[in-house]
């Protein structure tokens, strides 16, 4: 837990890689229509990322998988379908030697 000298921070900055991707006010409720989640995995020198997010063109969800500069998008009607697929992929990637990148205190891998 960070020590802010007895002060409550007024904003939190969300950092992914080297980019600030969002800022939220203290006490603000973050709902699922405010963006997605981005994850990073490594296997040796190879890198893989995937993002879960709301569809831009209507109701539903997307899973975007990026590897070697190419992206593949899968679409889902429900959150449970998205989570099931995400779990299947993560289990397969782990079995193939992929590991989640651990983030330091700066939020950077």
PDB file of N, CA and C in Angstrom:
ATOM      1  N   UNK A   1       0.834  -1.172   0.000  1.00  0.00           N
ATOM      2  CA  UNK A   1       0.000   0.000   0.000  1.00  0.00           C
ATOM      3  C   UNK A   1       0.882   1.240   0.000  1.00  0.00           C
ATOM      4  N   UNK A   2       0.576   2.178  -0.842  1.00  0.00           N
ATOM      5  CA  UNK A   2       1.349   3.409  -0.935  1.00  0.00           C
ATOM      6  C   UNK A   2       1.059   4.330   0.248  1.00  0.00           C
ATOM      7  N   UNK A   3       2.080   5.058   0.699  1.00  0.00           N
ATOM      8  CA  UNK A   3       1.903   6.054   1.753  1.00  0.00           C
ATOM      9  C   UNK A   3       1.859   7.425   1.095  1.00  0.00           C
ATOM     10  N   UNK A   4       0.751   8.118   1.260  1.00  0.00           N
ATOM     11  CA  UNK A   4       0.564   9.436   0.660  1.00  0.00           C
ATOM     12  C   UNK A   4       0.598  10.534   1.725  1.00  0.00           C
ATOM     13  N   UNK A   5       1.324  10.295   2.807  1.00  0.00           N
ATOM     14  CA  UNK A   5       1.459  11.300   3.853  1.00  0.00           C
ATOM     15  C   UNK A   5       0.143  11.697   4.485  1.00  0.00           C
ATOM     16  N   UNK A   6      -0.748  10.717   4.659  1.00  0.00           N
ATOM     17  CA  UNK A   6      -2.032  11.000   5.283  1.00  0.00           C
ATOM     18  C   UNK A   6      -3.056  11.589   4.327  1.00  0.00           C
ATOM     19  N   UNK A   7      -2.685  11.835   3.074  1.00  0.00           N
ATOM     20  CA  UNK A   7      -3.586  12.396   2.075  1.00  0.00           C
ATOM     21  C   UNK A   7      -4.216  11.268   1.258  1.00  0.00           C
ATOM     22  N   UNK A   8      -5.435  11.477   0.809  1.00  0.00           N
ATOM     23  CA  UNK A   8      -6.086  10.544  -0.090  1.00  0.00           C
ATOM     24  C   UNK A   8      -5.851  11.016  -1.518  1.00  0.00           C
ATOM     25  N   UNK A   9      -5.301  10.142  -2.378  1.00  0.00           N
ATOM     26  CA  UNK A   9      -5.064  10.573  -3.756  1.00  0.00           C
ATOM     27  C   UNK A   9      -6.378  10.926  -4.439  1.00  0.00           C
ATOM     28  N   UNK A  10      -6.364  11.940  -5.271  1.00  0.00           N
ATOM     29  CA  UNK A  10      -7.564  12.385  -5.961  1.00  0.00           C
ATOM     30  C   UNK A  10      -7.767  11.682  -7.294  1.00  0.00           C
ATOM     31  N   UNK A  11      -6.703  11.156  -7.868  1.00  0.00           N
ATOM     32  CA  UNK A  11      -6.818  10.463  -9.143  1.00  0.00           C
ATOM     33  C   UNK A  11      -5.889   9.263  -9.162  1.00  0.00           C
ATOM     34  N   UNK A  12      -6.264   8.242  -9.899  1.00  0.00           N
ATOM     35  CA  UNK A  12      -5.399   7.087 -10.129  1.00  0.00           C
ATOM     36  C   UNK A  12      -5.142   7.015 -11.628  1.00  0.00           C
ATOM     37  N   UNK A  13      -3.919   6.814 -11.998  1.00  0.00           N
ATOM     38  CA  UNK A  13      -3.556   6.694 -13.402  1.00  0.00           C
ATOM     39  C   UNK A  13      -3.317   5.216 -13.706  1.00  0.00           C
ATOM     40  N   UNK A  14      -3.939   4.724 -14.753  1.00  0.00           N
ATOM     41  CA  UNK A  14      -3.755   3.347 -15.177  1.00  0.00           C
ATOM     42  C   UNK A  14      -2.647   3.338 -16.214  1.00  0.00           C
ATOM     43  N   UNK A  15      -1.582   2.568 -15.958  1.00  0.00           N
ATOM     44  CA  UNK A  15      -0.433   2.513 -16.845  1.00  0.00           C
ATOM     45  C   UNK A  15      -0.304   1.113 -17.416  1.00  0.00           C
ATOM     46  N   UNK A  16      -0.216   1.022 -18.746  1.00  0.00           N
ATOM     47  CA  UNK A  16       0.048  -0.232 -19.429  1.00  0.00           C
ATOM     48  C   UNK A  16       1.267  -0.004 -20.298  1.00  0.00           C
ATOM     49  N   UNK A  17       2.335  -0.775 -20.043  1.00  0.00           N
ATOM     50  CA  UNK A  17       3.578  -0.551 -20.763  1.00  0.00           C
ATOM     51  C   UNK A  17       4.115   0.816 -20.421  1.00  0.00           C
ATOM     52  N   UNK A  18       4.366   1.634 -21.432  1.00  0.00           N
ATOM     53  CA  UNK A  18       4.871   2.982 -21.206  1.00  0.00           C
ATOM     54  C   UNK A  18       3.786   4.044 -21.368  1.00  0.00           C
ATOM     55  N   UNK A  19       2.523   3.629 -21.466  1.00  0.00           N
ATOM     56  CA  UNK A  19       1.460   4.577 -21.764  1.00  0.00           C
ATOM     57  C   UNK A  19       0.441   4.662 -20.641  1.00  0.00           C
ATOM     58  N   UNK A  20       0.037   5.877 -20.326  1.00  0.00           N
ATOM     59  CA  UNK A  20      -1.081   6.078 -19.404  1.00  0.00           C
ATOM     60  C   UNK A  20      -2.351   5.916 -20.228  1.00  0.00           C
ATOM     61  N   UNK A  21      -3.201   4.951 -19.859  1.00  0.00           N
ATOM     62  CA  UNK A  21      -4.372   4.659 -20.669  1.00  0.00           C
ATOM     63  C   UNK A  21      -5.676   5.117 -20.037  1.00  0.00           C
ATOM     64  N   UNK A  22      -5.626   5.626 -18.838  1.00  0.00           N
ATOM     65  CA  UNK A  22      -6.848   6.091 -18.216  1.00  0.00           C
ATOM     66  C   UNK A  22      -6.577   6.736 -16.886  1.00  0.00           C
ATOM     67  N   UNK A  23      -7.486   7.564 -16.460  1.00  0.00           N
ATOM     68  CA  UNK A  23      -7.373   8.209 -15.158  1.00  0.00           C
ATOM     69  C   UNK A  23      -8.753   8.213 -14.513  1.00  0.00           C
ATOM     70  N   UNK A  24      -8.805   7.891 -13.243  1.00  0.00           N
ATOM     71  CA  UNK A  24     -10.068   7.819 -12.535  1.00  0.00           C
ATOM     72  C   UNK A  24      -9.989   8.651 -11.270  1.00  0.00           C
ATOM     73  N   UNK A  25     -11.067   9.342 -10.954  1.00  0.00           N
ATOM     74  CA  UNK A  25     -11.133  10.127  -9.727  1.00  0.00           C
ATOM     75  C   UNK A  25     -11.317   9.196  -8.536  1.00  0.00           C
ATOM     76  N   UNK A  26     -10.794   9.602  -7.392  1.00  0.00           N
ATOM     77  CA  UNK A  26     -10.977   8.830  -6.165  1.00  0.00           C
ATOM     78  C   UNK A  26     -12.470   8.675  -5.900  1.00  0.00           C
ATOM     79  N   UNK A  27     -12.892   7.456  -5.588  1.00  0.00           N
ATOM     80  CA  UNK A  27     -14.285   7.193  -5.292  1.00  0.00           C
ATOM     81  C   UNK A  27     -15.149   6.951  -6.513  1.00  0.00           C
ATOM     82  N   UNK A  28     -14.590   7.116  -7.714  1.00  0.00           N
ATOM     83  CA  UNK A  28     -15.355   6.922  -8.940  1.00  0.00           C
ATOM     84  C   UNK A  28     -15.589   5.430  -9.163  1.00  0.00           C
ATOM     85  N   UNK A  29     -16.786   5.076  -9.589  1.00  0.00           N
ATOM     86  CA  UNK A  29     -17.093   3.692  -9.899  1.00  0.00           C
ATOM     87  C   UNK A  29     -16.715   3.423 -11.347  1.00  0.00           C
ATOM     88  N   UNK A  30     -15.947   2.377 -11.550  1.00  0.00           N
ATOM     89  CA  UNK A  30     -15.541   2.000 -12.898  1.00  0.00           C
ATOM     90  C   UNK A  30     -16.450   0.878 -13.353  1.00  0.00           C
ATOM     91  N   UNK A  31     -17.186   1.101 -14.438  1.00  0.00           N
ATOM     92  CA  UNK A  31     -18.097   0.088 -14.954  1.00  0.00           C
ATOM     93  C   UNK A  31     -17.484  -0.571 -16.179  1.00  0.00           C
ATOM     94  N   UNK A  32     -18.097  -1.673 -16.617  1.00  0.00           N
ATOM     95  CA  UNK A  32     -17.521  -2.409 -17.722  1.00  0.00           C
ATOM     96  C   UNK A  32     -17.673  -1.715 -19.068  1.00  0.00           C
ATOM     97  N   UNK A  33     -18.297  -0.563 -19.130  1.00  0.00           N
ATOM     98  CA  UNK A  33     -18.357   0.162 -20.389  1.00  0.00           C
ATOM     99  C   UNK A  33     -17.251   1.210 -20.481  1.00  0.00           C
ATOM    100  N   UNK A  34     -16.295   1.174 -19.571  1.00  0.00           N
ATOM    101  CA  UNK A  34     -15.217   2.149 -19.565  1.00  0.00           C
ATOM    102  C   UNK A  34     -13.912   1.583 -20.108  1.00  0.00           C
ATOM    103  N   UNK A  35     -13.956   0.469 -20.809  1.00  0.00           N
ATOM    104  CA  UNK A  35     -12.743  -0.047 -21.407  1.00  0.00           C
ATOM    105  C   UNK A  35     -12.544  -1.506 -21.123  1.00  0.00           C
ATOM    106  N   UNK A  36     -11.354  -1.974 -21.445  1.00  0.00           N
ATOM    107  CA  UNK A  36     -11.048  -3.378 -21.306  1.00  0.00           C
ATOM    108  C   UNK A  36      -9.849  -3.602 -20.416  1.00  0.00           C
ATOM    109  N   UNK A  37      -9.366  -4.819 -20.459  1.00  0.00           N
ATOM    110  CA  UNK A  37      -8.184  -5.211 -19.700  1.00  0.00           C
ATOM    111  C   UNK A  37      -7.157  -5.739 -20.680  1.00  0.00           C
ATOM    112  N   UNK A  38      -5.896  -5.411 -20.433  1.00  0.00           N
ATOM    113  CA  UNK A  38      -4.806  -5.815 -21.311  1.00  0.00           C
ATOM    114  C   UNK A  38      -3.832  -6.665 -20.510  1.00  0.00           C
ATOM    115  N   UNK A  39      -3.430  -7.801 -21.082  1.00  0.00           N
ATOM    116  CA  UNK A  39      -2.544  -8.746 -20.406  1.00  0.00           C
ATOM    117  C   UNK A  39      -1.345  -9.045 -21.299  1.00  0.00           C
ATOM    118  N   UNK A  40      -0.195  -9.340 -20.668  1.00  0.00           N
ATOM    119  CA  UNK A  40       1.035  -9.625 -21.395  1.00  0.00           C
ATOM    120  C   UNK A  40       1.597 -10.968 -20.947  1.00  0.00           C
ATOM    121  N   UNK A  41       2.076 -11.767 -21.927  1.00  0.00           N
ATOM    122  CA  UNK A  41       2.712 -13.046 -21.641  1.00  0.00           C
ATOM    123  C   UNK A  41       4.023 -13.121 -22.413  1.00  0.00           C
ATOM    124  N   UNK A  42       4.964 -13.919 -21.872  1.00  0.00           N
ATOM    125  CA  UNK A  42       6.253 -14.118 -22.533  1.00  0.00           C
ATOM    126  C   UNK A  42       6.606 -15.596 -22.515  1.00  0.00           C
ATOM    127  N   UNK A  43       7.326 -15.992 -23.543  1.00  0.00           N
ATOM    128  CA  UNK A  43       7.918 -17.330 -23.624  1.00  0.00           C
ATOM    129  C   UNK A  43       9.269 -17.141 -24.300  1.00  0.00           C
ATOM    130  N   UNK A  44      10.325 -17.191 -23.497  1.00  0.00           N
ATOM    131  CA  UNK A  44      11.653 -16.880 -24.028  1.00  0.00           C
ATOM    132  C   UNK A  44      11.677 -15.435 -24.510  1.00  0.00           C
ATOM    133  N   UNK A  45      12.046 -15.238 -25.770  1.00  0.00           N
ATOM    134  CA  UNK A  45      12.080 -13.890 -26.348  1.00  0.00           C
ATOM    135  C   UNK A  45      10.765 -13.499 -27.022  1.00  0.00           C
ATOM    136  N   UNK A  46       9.806 -14.429 -27.081  1.00  0.00           N
ATOM    137  CA  UNK A  46       8.522 -14.153 -27.724  1.00  0.00           C
ATOM    138  C   UNK A  46       7.571 -13.452 -26.762  1.00  0.00           C
ATOM    139  N   UNK A  47       6.760 -12.576 -27.306  1.00  0.00           N
ATOM    140  CA  UNK A  47       5.773 -11.845 -26.505  1.00  0.00           C
ATOM    141  C   UNK A  47       4.387 -12.033 -27.121  1.00  0.00           C
ATOM    142  N   UNK A  48       3.392 -12.064 -26.250  1.00  0.00           N
ATOM    143  CA  UNK A  48       2.001 -12.234 -26.633  1.00  0.00           C
ATOM    144  C   UNK A  48       1.183 -11.317 -25.740  1.00  0.00           C
ATOM    145  N   UNK A  49       0.193 -10.665 -26.312  1.00  0.00           N
ATOM    146  CA  UNK A  49      -0.711  -9.871 -25.480  1.00  0.00           C
ATOM    147  C   UNK A  49      -2.139 -10.199 -25.878  1.00  0.00           C
ATOM    148  N   UNK A  50      -3.048 -10.021 -24.920  1.00  0.00           N
ATOM    149  CA  UNK A  50      -4.449 -10.147 -25.255  1.00  0.00           C
ATOM    150  C   UNK A  50      -5.241  -9.132 -24.460  1.00  0.00           C
ATOM    151  N   UNK A  51      -6.321  -8.691 -25.074  1.00  0.00           N
ATOM    152  CA  UNK A  51      -7.174  -7.655 -24.482  1.00  0.00           C
ATOM    153  C   UNK A  51      -8.606  -8.153 -24.473  1.00  0.00           C
ATOM    154  N   UNK A  52      -9.289  -7.938 -23.355  1.00  0.00           N
ATOM    155  CA  UNK A  52     -10.720  -8.176 -23.275  1.00  0.00           C
ATOM    156  C   UNK A  52     -11.397  -6.820 -23.213  1.00  0.00           C
ATOM    157  N   UNK A  53     -12.442  -6.649 -24.014  1.00  0.00           N
ATOM    158  CA  UNK A  53     -13.097  -5.337 -24.086  1.00  0.00           C
ATOM    159  C   UNK A  53     -14.526  -5.472 -24.608  1.00  0.00           C
ATOM    160  N   UNK A  54     -15.273  -4.391 -24.481  1.00  0.00           N
ATOM    161  CA  UNK A  54     -16.614  -4.330 -25.051  1.00  0.00           C
ATOM    162  C   UNK A  54     -16.509  -4.144 -26.559  1.00  0.00           C
ATOM    163  N   UNK A  55     -17.464  -4.685 -27.284  1.00  0.00           N
ATOM    164  CA  UNK A  55     -17.486  -4.486 -28.739  1.00  0.00           C
ATOM    165  C   UNK A  55     -17.806  -3.035 -29.046  1.00  0.00           C
ATOM    166  N   UNK A  56     -17.153  -2.495 -30.051  1.00  0.00           N
ATOM    167  CA  UNK A  56     -17.400  -1.115 -30.475  1.00  0.00           C
ATOM    168  C   UNK A  56     -18.699  -0.980 -31.267  1.00  0.00           C
ATOM    169  N   UNK A  57     -19.105  -2.043 -31.953  1.00  0.00           N
ATOM    170  CA  UNK A  57     -20.226  -1.957 -32.888  1.00  0.00           C
ATOM    171  C   UNK A  57     -21.561  -2.448 -32.324  1.00  0.00           C
ATOM    172  N   UNK A  58     -21.635  -2.637 -31.005  1.00  0.00           N
ATOM    173  CA  UNK A  58     -22.896  -3.077 -30.426  1.00  0.00           C
ATOM    174  C   UNK A  58     -22.671  -3.877 -29.161  1.00  0.00           C
ATOM    175  N   UNK A  59     -23.730  -4.532 -28.678  1.00  0.00           N
ATOM    176  CA  UNK A  59     -23.594  -5.291 -27.437  1.00  0.00           C
ATOM    177  C   UNK A  59     -22.674  -6.496 -27.622  1.00  0.00           C
ATOM    178  N   UNK A  60     -22.017  -6.867 -26.565  1.00  0.00           N
ATOM    179  CA  UNK A  60     -21.142  -8.030 -26.593  1.00  0.00           C
ATOM    180  C   UNK A  60     -19.711  -7.668 -26.231  1.00  0.00           C
ATOM    181  N   UNK A  61     -18.841  -8.643 -26.380  1.00  0.00           N
ATOM    182  CA  UNK A  61     -17.454  -8.510 -25.929  1.00  0.00           C
ATOM    183  C   UNK A  61     -16.502  -8.995 -27.012  1.00  0.00           C
ATOM    184  N   UNK A  62     -15.246  -8.558 -26.896  1.00  0.00           N
ATOM    185  CA  UNK A  62     -14.206  -8.983 -27.818  1.00  0.00           C
ATOM    186  C   UNK A  62     -12.985  -9.459 -27.043  1.00  0.00           C
ATOM    187  N   UNK A  63     -12.293 -10.418 -27.628  1.00  0.00           N
ATOM    188  CA  UNK A  63     -11.008 -10.878 -27.145  1.00  0.00           C
ATOM    189  C   UNK A  63     -10.040 -10.662 -28.306  1.00  0.00           C
ATOM    190  N   UNK A  64      -9.061  -9.772 -28.108  1.00  0.00           N
ATOM    191  CA  UNK A  64      -8.096  -9.448 -29.154  1.00  0.00           C
ATOM    192  C   UNK A  64      -6.748 -10.023 -28.740  1.00  0.00           C
ATOM    193  N   UNK A  65      -6.219 -10.910 -29.574  1.00  0.00           N
ATOM    194  CA  UNK A  65      -4.946 -11.576 -29.302  1.00  0.00           C
ATOM    195  C   UNK A  65      -3.920 -11.049 -30.291  1.00  0.00           C
ATOM    196  N   UNK A  66      -2.783 -10.560 -29.782  1.00  0.00           N
ATOM    197  CA  UNK A  66      -1.726 -10.004 -30.637  1.00  0.00           C
ATOM    198  C   UNK A  66      -0.425 -10.761 -30.414  1.00  0.00           C
ATOM    199  N   UNK A  67       0.185 -11.150 -31.539  1.00  0.00           N
ATOM    200  CA  UNK A  67       1.472 -11.850 -31.481  1.00  0.00           C
ATOM    201  C   UNK A  67       2.219 -11.580 -32.774  1.00  0.00           C
ATOM    202  N   UNK A  68       3.482 -11.231 -32.633  1.00  0.00           N
ATOM    203  CA  UNK A  68       4.332 -10.963 -33.793  1.00  0.00           C
ATOM    204  C   UNK A  68       3.730  -9.916 -34.732  1.00  0.00           C
ATOM    205  N   UNK A  69       3.119  -8.894 -34.176  1.00  0.00           N
ATOM    206  CA  UNK A  69       2.580  -7.797 -34.967  1.00  0.00           C
ATOM    207  C   UNK A  69       1.253  -8.074 -35.639  1.00  0.00           C
ATOM    208  N   UNK A  70       0.677  -9.258 -35.417  1.00  0.00           N
ATOM    209  CA  UNK A  70      -0.613  -9.589 -36.006  1.00  0.00           C
ATOM    210  C   UNK A  70      -1.652  -9.746 -34.909  1.00  0.00           C
ATOM    211  N   UNK A  71      -2.853  -9.227 -35.164  1.00  0.00           N
ATOM    212  CA  UNK A  71      -3.931  -9.301 -34.188  1.00  0.00           C
ATOM    213  C   UNK A  71      -5.077 -10.142 -34.729  1.00  0.00           C
ATOM    214  N   UNK A  72      -5.691 -10.896 -33.839  1.00  0.00           N
ATOM    215  CA  UNK A  72      -6.850 -11.738 -34.156  1.00  0.00           C
ATOM    216  C   UNK A  72      -7.944 -11.388 -33.153  1.00  0.00           C
ATOM    217  N   UNK A  73      -9.161 -11.170 -33.625  1.00  0.00           N
ATOM    218  CA  UNK A  73     -10.271 -10.784 -32.743  1.00  0.00           C
ATOM    219  C   UNK A  73     -11.354 -11.858 -32.750  1.00  0.00           C
ATOM    220  N   UNK A  74     -11.800 -12.230 -31.557  1.00  0.00           N
ATOM    221  CA  UNK A  74     -12.934 -13.138 -31.395  1.00  0.00           C
ATOM    222  C   UNK A  74     -14.041 -12.356 -30.698  1.00  0.00           C
ATOM    223  N   UNK A  75     -15.297 -12.582 -31.106  1.00  0.00           N
ATOM    224  CA  UNK A  75     -16.425 -11.861 -30.533  1.00  0.00           C
ATOM    225  C   UNK A  75     -17.336 -12.807 -29.760  1.00  0.00           C
ATOM    226  N   UNK A  76     -17.941 -12.273 -28.684  1.00  0.00           N
ATOM    227  CA  UNK A  76     -18.792 -13.060 -27.788  1.00  0.00           C
ATOM    228  C   UNK A  76     -20.037 -12.273 -27.431  1.00  0.00           C
ATOM    229  N   UNK A  77     -21.146 -12.980 -27.283  1.00  0.00           N
ATOM    230  CA  UNK A  77     -22.406 -12.331 -26.908  1.00  0.00           C
ATOM    231  C   UNK A  77     -22.516 -12.088 -25.415  1.00  0.00           C
ATOM    232  N   UNK A  78     -21.855 -12.929 -24.606  1.00  0.00           N
ATOM    233  CA  UNK A  78     -21.987 -12.787 -23.156  1.00  0.00           C
ATOM    234  C   UNK A  78     -20.623 -12.781 -22.493  1.00  0.00           C
ATOM    235  N   UNK A  79     -20.579 -12.212 -21.308  1.00  0.00           N
ATOM    236  CA  UNK A  79     -19.350 -12.166 -20.523  1.00  0.00           C
ATOM    237  C   UNK A  79     -18.908 -13.573 -20.156  1.00  0.00           C
ATOM    238  N   UNK A  80     -19.852 -14.457 -19.843  1.00  0.00           N
ATOM    239  CA  UNK A  80     -19.474 -15.825 -19.466  1.00  0.00           C
ATOM    240  C   UNK A  80     -18.800 -16.547 -20.628  1.00  0.00           C
ATOM    241  N   UNK A  81     -19.251 -16.324 -21.862  1.00  0.00           N
ATOM    242  CA  UNK A  81     -18.603 -16.924 -23.031  1.00  0.00           C
ATOM    243  C   UNK A  81     -17.172 -16.402 -23.190  1.00  0.00           C
ATOM    244  N   UNK A  82     -17.004 -15.104 -23.024  1.00  0.00           N
ATOM    245  CA  UNK A  82     -15.669 -14.497 -23.110  1.00  0.00           C
ATOM    246  C   UNK A  82     -14.749 -15.081 -22.045  1.00  0.00           C
ATOM    247  N   UNK A  83     -15.209 -15.147 -20.812  1.00  0.00           N
ATOM    248  CA  UNK A  83     -14.378 -15.645 -19.717  1.00  0.00           C
ATOM    249  C   UNK A  83     -14.023 -17.117 -19.898  1.00  0.00           C
ATOM    250  N   UNK A  84     -14.953 -17.909 -20.420  1.00  0.00           N
ATOM    251  CA  UNK A  84     -14.674 -19.316 -20.688  1.00  0.00           C
ATOM    252  C   UNK A  84     -13.571 -19.459 -21.723  1.00  0.00           C
ATOM    253  N   UNK A  85     -13.664 -18.692 -22.809  1.00  0.00           N
ATOM    254  CA  UNK A  85     -12.647 -18.747 -23.869  1.00  0.00           C
ATOM    255  C   UNK A  85     -11.298 -18.243 -23.360  1.00  0.00           C
ATOM    256  N   UNK A  86     -11.316 -17.152 -22.605  1.00  0.00           N
ATOM    257  CA  UNK A  86     -10.084 -16.606 -22.044  1.00  0.00           C
ATOM    258  C   UNK A  86      -9.397 -17.650 -21.158  1.00  0.00           C
ATOM    259  N   UNK A  87     -10.171 -18.348 -20.347  1.00  0.00           N
ATOM    260  CA  UNK A  87      -9.629 -19.379 -19.462  1.00  0.00           C
ATOM    261  C   UNK A  87      -9.026 -20.526 -20.282  1.00  0.00           C
ATOM    262  N   UNK A  88      -9.743 -20.965 -21.336  1.00  0.00           N
ATOM    263  CA  UNK A  88      -9.242 -22.042 -22.200  1.00  0.00           C
ATOM    264  C   UNK A  88      -7.894 -21.662 -22.811  1.00  0.00           C
ATOM    265  N   UNK A  89      -7.817 -20.449 -23.361  1.00  0.00           N
ATOM    266  CA  UNK A  89      -6.578 -19.999 -23.996  1.00  0.00           C
ATOM    267  C   UNK A  89      -5.439 -19.881 -22.995  1.00  0.00           C
ATOM    268  N   UNK A  90      -5.718 -19.302 -21.842  1.00  0.00           N
ATOM    269  CA  UNK A  90      -4.675 -19.118 -20.837  1.00  0.00           C
ATOM    270  C   UNK A  90      -4.126 -20.468 -20.370  1.00  0.00           C
ATOM    271  N   UNK A  91      -4.993 -21.452 -20.178  1.00  0.00           N
ATOM    272  CA  UNK A  91      -4.539 -22.787 -19.786  1.00  0.00           C
ATOM    273  C   UNK A  91      -3.656 -23.399 -20.880  1.00  0.00           C
ATOM    274  N   UNK A  92      -4.057 -23.248 -22.135  1.00  0.00           N
ATOM    275  CA  UNK A  92      -3.270 -23.783 -23.256  1.00  0.00           C
ATOM    276  C   UNK A  92      -1.924 -23.072 -23.357  1.00  0.00           C
ATOM    277  N   UNK A  93      -1.927 -21.742 -23.231  1.00  0.00           N
ATOM    278  CA  UNK A  93      -0.672 -20.983 -23.311  1.00  0.00           C
ATOM    279  C   UNK A  93       0.271 -21.380 -22.180  1.00  0.00           C
ATOM    280  N   UNK A  94      -0.241 -21.538 -20.984  1.00  0.00           N
ATOM    281  CA  UNK A  94       0.603 -21.956 -19.859  1.00  0.00           C
ATOM    282  C   UNK A  94       1.203 -23.337 -20.113  1.00  0.00           C
ATOM    283  N   UNK A  95       0.414 -24.252 -20.666  1.00  0.00           N
ATOM    284  CA  UNK A  95       0.906 -25.597 -20.977  1.00  0.00           C
ATOM    285  C   UNK A  95       2.003 -25.553 -22.040  1.00  0.00           C
ATOM    286  N   UNK A  96       1.978 -24.516 -22.887  1.00  0.00           N
ATOM    287  CA  UNK A  96       2.984 -24.353 -23.940  1.00  0.00           C
ATOM    288  C   UNK A  96       4.179 -23.518 -23.478  1.00  0.00           C
ATOM    289  N   UNK A  97       4.213 -23.174 -22.187  1.00  0.00           N
ATOM    290  CA  UNK A  97       5.362 -22.466 -21.639  1.00  0.00           C
ATOM    291  C   UNK A  97       5.236 -20.955 -21.560  1.00  0.00           C
ATOM    292  N   UNK A  98       4.084 -20.393 -21.921  1.00  0.00           N
ATOM    293  CA  UNK A  98       3.875 -18.951 -21.802  1.00  0.00           C
ATOM    294  C   UNK A  98       3.648 -18.602 -20.334  1.00  0.00           C
ATOM    295  N   UNK A  99       4.171 -17.454 -19.900  1.00  0.00           N
ATOM    296  CA  UNK A  99       4.005 -16.988 -18.526  1.00  0.00           C
ATOM    297  C   UNK A  99       3.588 -15.525 -18.526  1.00  0.00           C
ATOM    298  N   UNK A 100       2.699 -15.180 -17.585  1.00  0.00           N
ATOM    299  CA  UNK A 100       2.277 -13.788 -17.446  1.00  0.00           C
ATOM    300  C   UNK A 100       3.464 -12.946 -17.021  1.00  0.00           C
ATOM    301  N   UNK A 101       3.549 -11.743 -17.574  1.00  0.00           N
ATOM    302  CA  UNK A 101       4.604 -10.813 -17.204  1.00  0.00           C
ATOM    303  C   UNK A 101       4.248 -10.223 -15.850  1.00  0.00           C
ATOM    304  N   UNK A 102       5.177 -10.302 -14.908  1.00  0.00           N
ATOM    305  CA  UNK A 102       4.970  -9.723 -13.580  1.00  0.00           C
ATOM    306  C   UNK A 102       5.321  -8.248 -13.631  1.00  0.00           C
ATOM    307  N   UNK A 103       4.482  -7.432 -13.059  1.00  0.00           N
ATOM    308  CA  UNK A 103       4.691  -5.977 -13.083  1.00  0.00           C
ATOM    309  C   UNK A 103       5.318  -5.534 -11.775  1.00  0.00           C
ATOM    310  N   UNK A 104       6.217  -4.576 -11.897  1.00  0.00           N
ATOM    311  CA  UNK A 104       6.832  -3.981 -10.728  1.00  0.00           C
ATOM    312  C   UNK A 104       5.956  -2.877 -10.149  1.00  0.00           C
ATOM    313  N   UNK A 105       6.477  -2.148  -9.190  1.00  0.00           N
ATOM    314  CA  UNK A 105       5.723  -1.077  -8.523  1.00  0.00           C
ATOM    315  C   UNK A 105       5.362   0.036  -9.496  1.00  0.00           C
ATOM    316  N   UNK A 106       6.085   0.162 -10.609  1.00  0.00           N
ATOM    317  CA  UNK A 106       5.794   1.219 -11.577  1.00  0.00           C
ATOM    318  C   UNK A 106       4.669   0.849 -12.510  1.00  0.00           C
ATOM    319  N   UNK A 107       4.230  -0.434 -12.469  1.00  0.00           N
ATOM    320  CA  UNK A 107       3.206  -0.887 -13.398  1.00  0.00           C
ATOM    321  C   UNK A 107       3.800  -1.338 -14.709  1.00  0.00           C
ATOM    322  N   UNK A 108       5.114  -1.326 -14.831  1.00  0.00           N
ATOM    323  CA  UNK A 108       5.769  -1.731 -16.072  1.00  0.00           C
ATOM    324  C   UNK A 108       6.291  -3.153 -15.942  1.00  0.00           C
ATOM    325  N   UNK A 109       6.247  -3.916 -17.059  1.00  0.00           N
ATOM    326  CA  UNK A 109       6.768  -5.289 -17.030  1.00  0.00           C
ATOM    327  C   UNK A 109       8.261  -5.320 -16.797  1.00  0.00           C
TER     328      UNK A 109
END
